[in-house]
Amino acid sequence: QAGFDVVPLEMDLSSKESICSMIAEGQKYGPIKMLVNAAGVSP
C-alpha cells in the first residue's frame, strides 16, 4: 500500500529447507542483493 513490491512467505529460520525455499523464491524475481534478518526470539 506504501508503493513497495512485497511478497509474503511462511518461513522458519531454524529450518534449512525453509531457508532454501525462501532463497529459491527470491531467485525467481532476480539477483538477491540483500538479506535482512529481523527474526529472533527472547526468553
Full PDB file with SEQRES, HELIX, SHEET, SSBOND, CRYST1, ORIGX, SCALE, CONECT and MASTER records, all heavy atoms in Angstrom:
SEQRES   1 A   43  GLN ALA GLY PHE ASP VAL VAL PRO LEU GLU MET ASP LEU          
SEQRES   2 A   43  SER SER LYS GLU SER ILE CYS SER MET ILE ALA GLU GLY          
SEQRES   3 A   43  GLN LYS TYR GLY PRO ILE LYS MET LEU VAL ASN ALA ALA          
SEQRES   4 A   43  GLY VAL SER PRO                                              
HELIX    1 AA1 LYS A   16  GLN A   27  1                                  12    
CRYST1    1.000    1.000    1.000  90.00  90.00  90.00 P 1           1          
ORIGX1      1.000000  0.000000  0.000000        0.00000                         
ORIGX2      0.000000  1.000000  0.000000        0.00000                         
ORIGX3      0.000000  0.000000  1.000000        0.00000                         
SCALE1      1.000000  0.000000  0.000000        0.00000                         
SCALE2      0.000000  1.000000  0.000000        0.00000                         
SCALE3      0.000000  0.000000  1.000000        0.00000                         
ATOM      1  N   GLN A   1       0.828  -1.214   0.000  1.00  0.00           N  
ATOM      2  CA  GLN A   1       0.000   0.000   0.000  1.00  0.00           C  
ATOM      3  C   GLN A   1       0.860   1.262   0.000  1.00  0.00           C  
ATOM      4  O   GLN A   1       0.420   2.312  -0.461  1.00  0.00           O  
ATOM      5  CB  GLN A   1      -0.947   0.004   1.199  1.00  0.00           C  
ATOM      6  CG  GLN A   1      -2.065  -1.007   1.078  1.00  0.00           C  
ATOM      7  CD  GLN A   1      -2.885  -1.135   2.343  1.00  0.00           C  
ATOM      8  OE1 GLN A   1      -2.654  -0.450   3.333  1.00  0.00           O  
ATOM      9  NE2 GLN A   1      -3.846  -2.042   2.324  1.00  0.00           N  
ATOM     10  N   ALA A   2       2.082   1.130   0.495  1.00  0.00           N  
ATOM     11  CA  ALA A   2       3.002   2.273   0.524  1.00  0.00           C  
ATOM     12  C   ALA A   2       3.838   2.362  -0.761  1.00  0.00           C  
ATOM     13  O   ALA A   2       4.731   3.202  -0.855  1.00  0.00           O  
ATOM     14  CB  ALA A   2       3.925   2.163   1.741  1.00  0.00           C  
ATOM     15  N   GLY A   3       3.567   1.477  -1.727  1.00  0.00           N  
ATOM     16  CA  GLY A   3       4.255   1.563  -3.014  1.00  0.00           C  
ATOM     17  C   GLY A   3       5.409   0.604  -3.205  1.00  0.00           C  
ATOM     18  O   GLY A   3       6.099   0.664  -4.226  1.00  0.00           O  
ATOM     19  N   PHE A   4       5.649  -0.274  -2.257  1.00  0.00           N  
ATOM     20  CA  PHE A   4       6.718  -1.265  -2.389  1.00  0.00           C  
ATOM     21  C   PHE A   4       6.188  -2.504  -3.098  1.00  0.00           C  
ATOM     22  O   PHE A   4       4.973  -2.677  -3.249  1.00  0.00           O  
ATOM     23  CB  PHE A   4       7.282  -1.632  -1.009  1.00  0.00           C  
ATOM     24  CG  PHE A   4       8.036  -0.506  -0.359  1.00  0.00           C  
ATOM     25  CD1 PHE A   4       7.374   0.429   0.422  1.00  0.00           C  
ATOM     26  CD2 PHE A   4       9.400  -0.366  -0.537  1.00  0.00           C  
ATOM     27  CE1 PHE A   4       8.055   1.483   1.007  1.00  0.00           C  
ATOM     28  CE2 PHE A   4      10.097   0.676   0.043  1.00  0.00           C  
ATOM     29  CZ  PHE A   4       9.423   1.608   0.823  1.00  0.00           C  
ATOM     30  N   ASP A   5       7.083  -3.377  -3.526  1.00  0.00           N  
ATOM     31  CA  ASP A   5       6.733  -4.608  -4.227  1.00  0.00           C  
ATOM     32  C   ASP A   5       7.131  -5.779  -3.331  1.00  0.00           C  
ATOM     33  O   ASP A   5       8.276  -6.230  -3.354  1.00  0.00           O  
ATOM     34  CB  ASP A   5       7.469  -4.649  -5.572  1.00  0.00           C  
ATOM     35  CG  ASP A   5       7.080  -5.837  -6.426  1.00  0.00           C  
ATOM     36  OD1 ASP A   5       6.142  -6.574  -6.053  1.00  0.00           O  
ATOM     37  OD2 ASP A   5       7.720  -6.019  -7.479  1.00  0.00           O  
ATOM     38  N   VAL A   6       6.168  -6.259  -2.522  1.00  0.00           N  
ATOM     39  CA  VAL A   6       6.474  -7.228  -1.471  1.00  0.00           C  
ATOM     40  C   VAL A   6       5.615  -8.485  -1.620  1.00  0.00           C  
ATOM     41  O   VAL A   6       4.414  -8.398  -1.869  1.00  0.00           O  
ATOM     42  CB  VAL A   6       6.237  -6.610  -0.072  1.00  0.00           C  
ATOM     43  CG1 VAL A   6       6.616  -7.585   1.030  1.00  0.00           C  
ATOM     44  CG2 VAL A   6       7.019  -5.307   0.075  1.00  0.00           C  
ATOM     45  N   VAL A   7       6.250  -9.631  -1.441  1.00  0.00           N  
ATOM     46  CA  VAL A   7       5.582 -10.926  -1.474  1.00  0.00           C  
ATOM     47  C   VAL A   7       5.766 -11.585  -0.104  1.00  0.00           C  
ATOM     48  O   VAL A   7       6.900 -11.685   0.378  1.00  0.00           O  
ATOM     49  CB  VAL A   7       6.182 -11.836  -2.570  1.00  0.00           C  
ATOM     50  CG1 VAL A   7       5.603 -13.231  -2.510  1.00  0.00           C  
ATOM     51  CG2 VAL A   7       5.988 -11.220  -3.934  1.00  0.00           C  
ATOM     52  N   PRO A   8       4.677 -12.035   0.539  1.00  0.00           N  
ATOM     53  CA  PRO A   8       4.801 -12.718   1.829  1.00  0.00           C  
ATOM     54  C   PRO A   8       5.108 -14.202   1.654  1.00  0.00           C  
ATOM     55  O   PRO A   8       4.747 -14.810   0.648  1.00  0.00           O  
ATOM     56  CB  PRO A   8       3.416 -12.524   2.447  1.00  0.00           C  
ATOM     57  CG  PRO A   8       2.489 -12.478   1.277  1.00  0.00           C  
ATOM     58  CD  PRO A   8       3.271 -11.823   0.170  1.00  0.00           C  
ATOM     59  N   LEU A   9       5.768 -14.756   2.662  1.00  0.00           N  
ATOM     60  CA  LEU A   9       6.166 -16.159   2.613  1.00  0.00           C  
ATOM     61  C   LEU A   9       6.254 -16.692   4.034  1.00  0.00           C  
ATOM     62  O   LEU A   9       6.786 -16.011   4.918  1.00  0.00           O  
ATOM     63  CB  LEU A   9       7.534 -16.260   1.925  1.00  0.00           C  
ATOM     64  CG  LEU A   9       8.150 -17.609   1.690  1.00  0.00           C  
ATOM     65  CD1 LEU A   9       7.429 -18.318   0.555  1.00  0.00           C  
ATOM     66  CD2 LEU A   9       9.622 -17.448   1.332  1.00  0.00           C  
ATOM     67  N   GLU A  10       5.750 -17.890   4.257  1.00  0.00           N  
ATOM     68  CA  GLU A  10       5.946 -18.542   5.555  1.00  0.00           C  
ATOM     69  C   GLU A  10       7.337 -19.147   5.553  1.00  0.00           C  
ATOM     70  O   GLU A  10       7.718 -19.841   4.606  1.00  0.00           O  
ATOM     71  CB  GLU A  10       4.896 -19.629   5.769  1.00  0.00           C  
ATOM     72  CG  GLU A  10       5.004 -20.302   7.116  1.00  0.00           C  
ATOM     73  CD  GLU A  10       3.879 -21.284   7.374  1.00  0.00           C  
ATOM     74  OE1 GLU A  10       3.032 -21.491   6.476  1.00  0.00           O  
ATOM     75  OE2 GLU A  10       3.848 -21.854   8.466  1.00  0.00           O  
ATOM     76  N   MET A  11       8.116 -18.864   6.574  1.00  0.00           N  
ATOM     77  CA  MET A  11       9.459 -19.444   6.663  1.00  0.00           C  
ATOM     78  C   MET A  11       9.904 -19.541   8.108  1.00  0.00           C  
ATOM     79  O   MET A  11       9.504 -18.761   8.947  1.00  0.00           O  
ATOM     80  CB  MET A  11      10.462 -18.680   5.803  1.00  0.00           C  
ATOM     81  CG  MET A  11      11.048 -17.412   6.318  1.00  0.00           C  
ATOM     82  SD  MET A  11      12.499 -17.616   7.375  1.00  0.00           S  
ATOM     83  CE  MET A  11      13.675 -18.369   6.298  1.00  0.00           C  
ATOM     84  N   ASP A  12      10.725 -20.543   8.358  1.00  0.00           N  
ATOM     85  CA  ASP A  12      11.232 -20.824   9.702  1.00  0.00           C  
ATOM     86  C   ASP A  12      12.756 -20.738   9.646  1.00  0.00           C  
ATOM     87  O   ASP A  12      13.403 -21.552   8.981  1.00  0.00           O  
ATOM     88  CB  ASP A  12      10.771 -22.216  10.125  1.00  0.00           C  
ATOM     89  CG  ASP A  12      11.279 -22.638  11.493  1.00  0.00           C  
ATOM     90  OD1 ASP A  12      12.011 -21.859  12.150  1.00  0.00           O  
ATOM     91  OD2 ASP A  12      10.947 -23.755  11.912  1.00  0.00           O  
ATOM     92  N   LEU A  13      13.310 -19.758  10.313  1.00  0.00           N  
ATOM     93  CA  LEU A  13      14.755 -19.523  10.280  1.00  0.00           C  
ATOM     94  C   LEU A  13      15.560 -20.685  10.857  1.00  0.00           C  
ATOM     95  O   LEU A  13      16.728 -20.848  10.543  1.00  0.00           O  
ATOM     96  CB  LEU A  13      15.089 -18.227  11.021  1.00  0.00           C  
ATOM     97  CG  LEU A  13      16.508 -17.705  10.902  1.00  0.00           C  
ATOM     98  CD1 LEU A  13      16.877 -17.427   9.450  1.00  0.00           C  
ATOM     99  CD2 LEU A  13      16.694 -16.459  11.735  1.00  0.00           C  
ATOM    100  N   SER A  14      14.928 -21.538  11.656  1.00  0.00           N  
ATOM    101  CA  SER A  14      15.657 -22.675  12.222  1.00  0.00           C  
ATOM    102  C   SER A  14      15.647 -23.889  11.289  1.00  0.00           C  
ATOM    103  O   SER A  14      16.221 -24.916  11.617  1.00  0.00           O  
ATOM    104  CB  SER A  14      15.071 -23.053  13.583  1.00  0.00           C  
ATOM    105  OG  SER A  14      13.763 -23.568  13.444  1.00  0.00           O  
ATOM    106  N   SER A  15      15.027 -23.763  10.109  1.00  0.00           N  
ATOM    107  CA  SER A  15      14.912 -24.867   9.160  1.00  0.00           C  
ATOM    108  C   SER A  15      15.712 -24.590   7.888  1.00  0.00           C  
ATOM    109  O   SER A  15      15.434 -23.624   7.176  1.00  0.00           O  
ATOM    110  CB  SER A  15      13.437 -25.083   8.795  1.00  0.00           C  
ATOM    111  OG  SER A  15      13.314 -25.851   7.628  1.00  0.00           O  
ATOM    112  N   LYS A  16      16.658 -25.455   7.597  1.00  0.00           N  
ATOM    113  CA  LYS A  16      17.464 -25.311   6.388  1.00  0.00           C  
ATOM    114  C   LYS A  16      16.583 -25.362   5.139  1.00  0.00           C  
ATOM    115  O   LYS A  16      16.767 -24.588   4.205  1.00  0.00           O  
ATOM    116  CB  LYS A  16      18.518 -26.416   6.342  1.00  0.00           C  
ATOM    117  CG  LYS A  16      19.433 -26.340   5.143  1.00  0.00           C  
ATOM    118  CD  LYS A  16      20.480 -27.422   5.197  1.00  0.00           C  
ATOM    119  CE  LYS A  16      21.418 -27.346   4.016  1.00  0.00           C  
ATOM    120  NZ  LYS A  16      22.465 -28.362   4.090  1.00  0.00           N  
ATOM    121  N   GLU A  17      15.599 -26.255   5.132  1.00  0.00           N  
ATOM    122  CA  GLU A  17      14.699 -26.376   3.980  1.00  0.00           C  
ATOM    123  C   GLU A  17      13.913 -25.091   3.768  1.00  0.00           C  
ATOM    124  O   GLU A  17      13.702 -24.644   2.635  1.00  0.00           O  
ATOM    125  CB  GLU A  17      13.736 -27.553   4.169  1.00  0.00           C  
ATOM    126  CG  GLU A  17      14.407 -28.916   4.153  1.00  0.00           C  
ATOM    127  CD  GLU A  17      15.129 -29.267   5.458  1.00  0.00           C  
ATOM    128  OE1 GLU A  17      14.797 -28.682   6.524  1.00  0.00           O  
ATOM    129  OE2 GLU A  17      16.045 -30.101   5.402  1.00  0.00           O  
ATOM    130  N   SER A  18      13.480 -24.478   4.854  1.00  0.00           N  
ATOM    131  CA  SER A  18      12.713 -23.242   4.768  1.00  0.00           C  
ATOM    132  C   SER A  18      13.578 -22.100   4.230  1.00  0.00           C  
ATOM    133  O   SER A  18      13.134 -21.295   3.406  1.00  0.00           O  
ATOM    134  CB  SER A  18      12.151 -22.890   6.148  1.00  0.00           C  
ATOM    135  OG  SER A  18      11.261 -21.815   6.061  1.00  0.00           O  
ATOM    136  N   ILE A  19      14.817 -22.029   4.669  1.00  0.00           N  
ATOM    137  CA  ILE A  19      15.749 -21.009   4.171  1.00  0.00           C  
ATOM    138  C   ILE A  19      15.986 -21.218   2.675  1.00  0.00           C  
ATOM    139  O   ILE A  19      15.944 -20.267   1.889  1.00  0.00           O  
ATOM    140  CB  ILE A  19      17.078 -21.042   4.958  1.00  0.00           C  
ATOM    141  CG1 ILE A  19      16.841 -20.622   6.412  1.00  0.00           C  
ATOM    142  CG2 ILE A  19      18.118 -20.132   4.298  1.00  0.00           C  
ATOM    143  CD1 ILE A  19      18.012 -20.910   7.337  1.00  0.00           C  
ATOM    144  N   CYS A  20      16.190 -22.473   2.270  1.00  0.00           N  
ATOM    145  CA  CYS A  20      16.407 -22.782   0.853  1.00  0.00           C  
ATOM    146  C   CYS A  20      15.184 -22.390   0.020  1.00  0.00           C  
ATOM    147  O   CYS A  20      15.334 -21.863  -1.091  1.00  0.00           O  
ATOM    148  CB  CYS A  20      16.710 -24.264   0.666  1.00  0.00           C  
ATOM    149  SG  CYS A  20      18.349 -24.757   1.225  1.00  0.00           S  
ATOM    150  N   SER A  21      13.998 -22.636   0.549  1.00  0.00           N  
ATOM    151  CA  SER A  21      12.770 -22.270  -0.167  1.00  0.00           C  
ATOM    152  C   SER A  21      12.659 -20.765  -0.342  1.00  0.00           C  
ATOM    153  O   SER A  21      12.244 -20.284  -1.404  1.00  0.00           O  
ATOM    154  CB  SER A  21      11.535 -22.787   0.578  1.00  0.00           C  
ATOM    155  OG  SER A  21      11.483 -24.177   0.537  1.00  0.00           O  
ATOM    156  N   MET A  22      13.032 -20.027   0.685  1.00  0.00           N  
ATOM    157  CA  MET A  22      12.972 -18.571   0.592  1.00  0.00           C  
ATOM    158  C   MET A  22      13.969 -18.057  -0.447  1.00  0.00           C  
ATOM    159  O   MET A  22      13.646 -17.171  -1.243  1.00  0.00           O  
ATOM    160  CB  MET A  22      13.232 -17.925   1.943  1.00  0.00           C  
ATOM    161  CG  MET A  22      13.048 -16.424   1.928  1.00  0.00           C  
ATOM    162  SD  MET A  22      13.279 -15.708   3.554  1.00  0.00           S  
ATOM    163  CE  MET A  22      12.380 -14.174   3.361  1.00  0.00           C  
ATOM    164  N   ILE A  23      15.162 -18.599  -0.441  1.00  0.00           N  
ATOM    165  CA  ILE A  23      16.169 -18.201  -1.424  1.00  0.00           C  
ATOM    166  C   ILE A  23      15.677 -18.524  -2.831  1.00  0.00           C  
ATOM    167  O   ILE A  23      15.780 -17.700  -3.741  1.00  0.00           O  
ATOM    168  CB  ILE A  23      17.527 -18.872  -1.128  1.00  0.00           C  
ATOM    169  CG1 ILE A  23      18.128 -18.288   0.152  1.00  0.00           C  
ATOM    170  CG2 ILE A  23      18.493 -18.701  -2.296  1.00  0.00           C  
ATOM    171  CD1 ILE A  23      19.331 -19.038   0.684  1.00  0.00           C  
ATOM    172  N   ALA A  24      15.110 -19.713  -3.014  1.00  0.00           N  
ATOM    173  CA  ALA A  24      14.596 -20.106  -4.336  1.00  0.00           C  
ATOM    174  C   ALA A  24      13.480 -19.170  -4.785  1.00  0.00           C  
ATOM    175  O   ALA A  24      13.423 -18.776  -5.955  1.00  0.00           O  
ATOM    176  CB  ALA A  24      14.103 -21.551  -4.300  1.00  0.00           C  
ATOM    177  N   GLU A  25      12.608 -18.785  -3.867  1.00  0.00           N  
ATOM    178  CA  GLU A  25      11.531 -17.844  -4.206  1.00  0.00           C  
ATOM    179  C   GLU A  25      12.115 -16.508  -4.642  1.00  0.00           C  
ATOM    180  O   GLU A  25      11.689 -15.923  -5.639  1.00  0.00           O  
ATOM    181  CB  GLU A  25      10.593 -17.650  -3.014  1.00  0.00           C  
ATOM    182  CG  GLU A  25       9.433 -16.718  -3.268  1.00  0.00           C  
ATOM    183  CD  GLU A  25       8.420 -17.235  -4.270  1.00  0.00           C  
ATOM    184  OE1 GLU A  25       8.350 -18.462  -4.498  1.00  0.00           O  
ATOM    185  OE2 GLU A  25       7.676 -16.405  -4.822  1.00  0.00           O  
ATOM    186  N   GLY A  26      13.098 -16.026  -3.921  1.00  0.00           N  
ATOM    187  CA  GLY A  26      13.737 -14.766  -4.282  1.00  0.00           C  
ATOM    188  C   GLY A  26      14.405 -14.814  -5.639  1.00  0.00           C  
ATOM    189  O   GLY A  26      14.316 -13.865  -6.422  1.00  0.00           O  
ATOM    190  N   GLN A  27      15.053 -15.921  -5.951  1.00  0.00           N  
ATOM    191  CA  GLN A  27      15.767 -16.060  -7.215  1.00  0.00           C  
ATOM    192  C   GLN A  27      14.832 -16.050  -8.421  1.00  0.00           C  
ATOM    193  O   GLN A  27      15.264 -15.776  -9.532  1.00  0.00           O  
ATOM    194  CB  GLN A  27      16.617 -17.323  -7.208  1.00  0.00           C  
ATOM    195  CG  GLN A  27      17.811 -17.207  -6.286  1.00  0.00           C  
ATOM    196  CD  GLN A  27      18.595 -18.490  -6.176  1.00  0.00           C  
ATOM    197  OE1 GLN A  27      18.031 -19.584  -6.167  1.00  0.00           O  
ATOM    198  NE2 GLN A  27      19.912 -18.374  -6.066  1.00  0.00           N  
ATOM    199  N   LYS A  28      13.543 -16.310  -8.214  1.00  0.00           N  
ATOM    200  CA  LYS A  28      12.571 -16.250  -9.310  1.00  0.00           C  
ATOM    201  C   LYS A  28      12.433 -14.829  -9.861  1.00  0.00           C  
ATOM    202  O   LYS A  28      12.085 -14.641 -11.017  1.00  0.00           O  
ATOM    203  CB  LYS A  28      11.187 -16.700  -8.831  1.00  0.00           C  
ATOM    204  CG  LYS A  28      11.063 -18.154  -8.499  1.00  0.00           C  
ATOM    205  CD  LYS A  28       9.658 -18.428  -8.001  1.00  0.00           C  
ATOM    206  CE  LYS A  28       9.507 -19.839  -7.486  1.00  0.00           C  
ATOM    207  NZ  LYS A  28       8.137 -20.045  -6.938  1.00  0.00           N  
ATOM    208  N   TYR A  29      12.701 -13.841  -9.016  1.00  0.00           N  
ATOM    209  CA  TYR A  29      12.464 -12.444  -9.369  1.00  0.00           C  
ATOM    210  C   TYR A  29      13.702 -11.699  -9.824  1.00  0.00           C  
ATOM    211  O   TYR A  29      13.606 -10.605 -10.348  1.00  0.00           O  
ATOM    212  CB  TYR A  29      11.828 -11.717  -8.184  1.00  0.00           C  
ATOM    213  CG  TYR A  29      10.508 -12.316  -7.780  1.00  0.00           C  
ATOM    214  CD1 TYR A  29      10.416 -13.167  -6.679  1.00  0.00           C  
ATOM    215  CD2 TYR A  29       9.345 -12.053  -8.500  1.00  0.00           C  
ATOM    216  CE1 TYR A  29       9.204 -13.721  -6.306  1.00  0.00           C  
ATOM    217  CE2 TYR A  29       8.131 -12.610  -8.137  1.00  0.00           C  
ATOM    218  CZ  TYR A  29       8.073 -13.451  -7.036  1.00  0.00           C  
ATOM    219  OH  TYR A  29       6.869 -14.008  -6.678  1.00  0.00           O  
ATOM    220  N   GLY A  30      14.872 -12.259  -9.555  1.00  0.00           N  
ATOM    221  CA  GLY A  30      16.108 -11.600  -9.944  1.00  0.00           C  
ATOM    222  C   GLY A  30      17.230 -11.919  -8.979  1.00  0.00           C  
ATOM    223  O   GLY A  30      17.104 -12.773  -8.103  1.00  0.00           O  
ATOM    224  N   PRO A  31      18.356 -11.202  -9.102  1.00  0.00           N  
ATOM    225  CA  PRO A  31      19.502 -11.466  -8.224  1.00  0.00           C  
ATOM    226  C   PRO A  31      19.233 -10.988  -6.795  1.00  0.00           C  
ATOM    227  O   PRO A  31      18.740  -9.885  -6.588  1.00  0.00           O  
ATOM    228  CB  PRO A  31      20.638 -10.669  -8.867  1.00  0.00           C  
ATOM    229  CG  PRO A  31      19.961  -9.591  -9.645  1.00  0.00           C  
ATOM    230  CD  PRO A  31      18.635 -10.147 -10.092  1.00  0.00           C  
ATOM    231  N   ILE A  32      19.560 -11.828  -5.842  1.00  0.00           N  
ATOM    232  CA  ILE A  32      19.394 -11.467  -4.435  1.00  0.00           C  
ATOM    233  C   ILE A  32      20.555 -10.571  -4.041  1.00  0.00           C  
ATOM    234  O   ILE A  32      21.710 -10.964  -4.122  1.00  0.00           O  
ATOM    235  CB  ILE A  32      19.314 -12.717  -3.549  1.00  0.00           C  
ATOM    236  CG1 ILE A  32      18.094 -13.560  -3.945  1.00  0.00           C  
ATOM    237  CG2 ILE A  32      19.260 -12.327  -2.073  1.00  0.00           C  
ATOM    238  CD1 ILE A  32      18.037 -14.918  -3.294  1.00  0.00           C  
ATOM    239  N   LYS A  33      20.228  -9.365  -3.609  1.00  0.00           N  
ATOM    240  CA  LYS A  33      21.248  -8.380  -3.275  1.00  0.00           C  
ATOM    241  C   LYS A  33      21.304  -8.063  -1.785  1.00  0.00           C  
ATOM    242  O   LYS A  33      22.272  -7.471  -1.326  1.00  0.00           O  
ATOM    243  CB  LYS A  33      20.991  -7.076  -4.037  1.00  0.00           C  
ATOM    244  CG  LYS A  33      21.149  -7.205  -5.527  1.00  0.00           C  
ATOM    245  CD  LYS A  33      22.595  -7.442  -5.900  1.00  0.00           C  
ATOM    246  CE  LYS A  33      22.803  -7.410  -7.386  1.00  0.00           C  
ATOM    247  NZ  LYS A  33      24.201  -7.532  -7.740  1.00  0.00           N  
ATOM    248  N   MET A  34      20.265  -8.436  -1.044  1.00  0.00           N  
ATOM    249  CA  MET A  34      20.248  -8.049   0.359  1.00  0.00           C  
ATOM    250  C   MET A  34      19.471  -9.067   1.186  1.00  0.00           C  
ATOM    251  O   MET A  34      18.436  -9.560   0.750  1.00  0.00           O  
ATOM    252  CB  MET A  34      19.612  -6.668   0.511  1.00  0.00           C  
ATOM    253  CG  MET A  34      19.672  -6.132   1.927  1.00  0.00           C  
ATOM    254  SD  MET A  34      19.145  -4.412   2.011  1.00  0.00           S  
ATOM    255  CE  MET A  34      20.452  -3.627   1.106  1.00  0.00           C  
ATOM    256  N   LEU A  35      19.985  -9.352   2.366  1.00  0.00           N  
ATOM    257  CA  LEU A  35      19.301 -10.183   3.353  1.00  0.00           C  
ATOM    258  C   LEU A  35      19.168  -9.373   4.630  1.00  0.00           C  
ATOM    259  O   LEU A  35      20.158  -8.902   5.175  1.00  0.00           O  
ATOM    260  CB  LEU A  35      20.094 -11.464   3.628  1.00  0.00           C  
ATOM    261  CG  LEU A  35      19.618 -12.298   4.818  1.00  0.00           C  
ATOM    262  CD1 LEU A  35      18.202 -12.815   4.590  1.00  0.00           C  
ATOM    263  CD2 LEU A  35      20.579 -13.452   5.064  1.00  0.00           C  
ATOM    264  N   VAL A  36      17.938  -9.191   5.077  1.00  0.00           N  
ATOM    265  CA  VAL A  36      17.670  -8.502   6.335  1.00  0.00           C  
ATOM    266  C   VAL A  36      17.146  -9.540   7.314  1.00  0.00           C  
ATOM    267  O   VAL A  36      16.072 -10.109   7.110  1.00  0.00           O  
ATOM    268  CB  VAL A  36      16.628  -7.366   6.158  1.00  0.00           C  
ATOM    269  CG1 VAL A  36      16.278  -6.753   7.506  1.00  0.00           C  
ATOM    270  CG2 VAL A  36      17.140  -6.320   5.194  1.00  0.00           C  
ATOM    271  N   ASN A  37      17.890  -9.813   8.357  1.00  0.00           N  
ATOM    272  CA  ASN A  37      17.451 -10.759   9.375  1.00  0.00           C  
ATOM    273  C   ASN A  37      16.932  -9.972  10.572  1.00  0.00           C  
ATOM    274  O   ASN A  37      17.707  -9.482  11.387  1.00  0.00           O  
ATOM    275  CB  ASN A  37      18.579 -11.691   9.806  1.00  0.00           C  
ATOM    276  CG  ASN A  37      18.112 -12.639  10.888  1.00  0.00           C  
ATOM    277  OD1 ASN A  37      16.920 -12.856  11.055  1.00  0.00           O  
ATOM    278  ND2 ASN A  37      19.046 -13.197  11.632  1.00  0.00           N  
ATOM    279  N   ALA A  38      15.621  -9.873  10.651  1.00  0.00           N  
ATOM    280  CA  ALA A  38      14.986  -9.197  11.779  1.00  0.00           C  
ATOM    281  C   ALA A  38      14.222 -10.199  12.630  1.00  0.00           C  
ATOM    282  O   ALA A  38      13.344  -9.828  13.403  1.00  0.00           O  
ATOM    283  CB  ALA A  38      14.059  -8.096  11.270  1.00  0.00           C  
ATOM    284  N   ALA A  39      14.542 -11.475  12.470  1.00  0.00           N  
ATOM    285  CA  ALA A  39      13.880 -12.526  13.248  1.00  0.00           C  
ATOM    286  C   ALA A  39      14.667 -12.787  14.521  1.00  0.00           C  
ATOM    287  O   ALA A  39      15.882 -12.637  14.550  1.00  0.00           O  
ATOM    288  CB  ALA A  39      13.785 -13.807  12.426  1.00  0.00           C  
ATOM    289  N   GLY A  40      13.966 -13.183  15.536  1.00  0.00           N  
ATOM    290  CA  GLY A  40      14.616 -13.538  16.785  1.00  0.00           C  
ATOM    291  C   GLY A  40      13.585 -13.773  17.858  1.00  0.00           C  
ATOM    292  O   GLY A  40      12.455 -13.297  17.760  1.00  0.00           O  
ATOM    293  N   VAL A  41      13.972 -14.537  18.842  1.00  0.00           N  
ATOM    294  CA  VAL A  41      13.094 -14.801  19.983  1.00  0.00           C  
ATOM    295  C   VAL A  41      13.843 -14.514  21.267  1.00  0.00           C  
ATOM    296  O   VAL A  41      15.074 -14.559  21.306  1.00  0.00           O  
ATOM    297  CB  VAL A  41      12.551 -16.245  19.967  1.00  0.00           C  
ATOM    298  CG1 VAL A  41      11.572 -16.444  18.830  1.00  0.00           C  
ATOM    299  CG2 VAL A  41      13.664 -17.266  19.880  1.00  0.00           C  
ATOM    300  N   SER A  42      13.095 -14.214  22.309  1.00  0.00           N  
ATOM    301  CA  SER A  42      13.694 -13.890  23.603  1.00  0.00           C  
ATOM    302  C   SER A  42      13.227 -14.895  24.649  1.00  0.00           C  
ATOM    303  O   SER A  42      12.298 -15.663  24.403  1.00  0.00           O  
ATOM    304  CB  SER A  42      13.285 -12.471  24.021  1.00  0.00           C  
ATOM    305  OG  SER A  42      11.919 -12.456  24.373  1.00  0.00           O  
ATOM    306  N   PRO A  43      13.847 -14.885  25.836  1.00  0.00           N  
ATOM    307  CA  PRO A  43      13.447 -15.817  26.888  1.00  0.00           C  
ATOM    308  C   PRO A  43      11.976 -15.682  27.302  1.00  0.00           C  
ATOM    309  O   PRO A  43      11.389 -16.638  27.783  1.00  0.00           O  
ATOM    310  CB  PRO A  43      14.379 -15.451  28.054  1.00  0.00           C  
ATOM    311  CG  PRO A  43      15.575 -14.876  27.395  1.00  0.00           C  
ATOM    312  CD  PRO A  43      15.049 -14.137  26.200  1.00  0.00           C  
TER     313      PRO A  43                                                      
MASTER        0    0    0    1    0    0    0    6  312    1    0    4          
END                                                                             
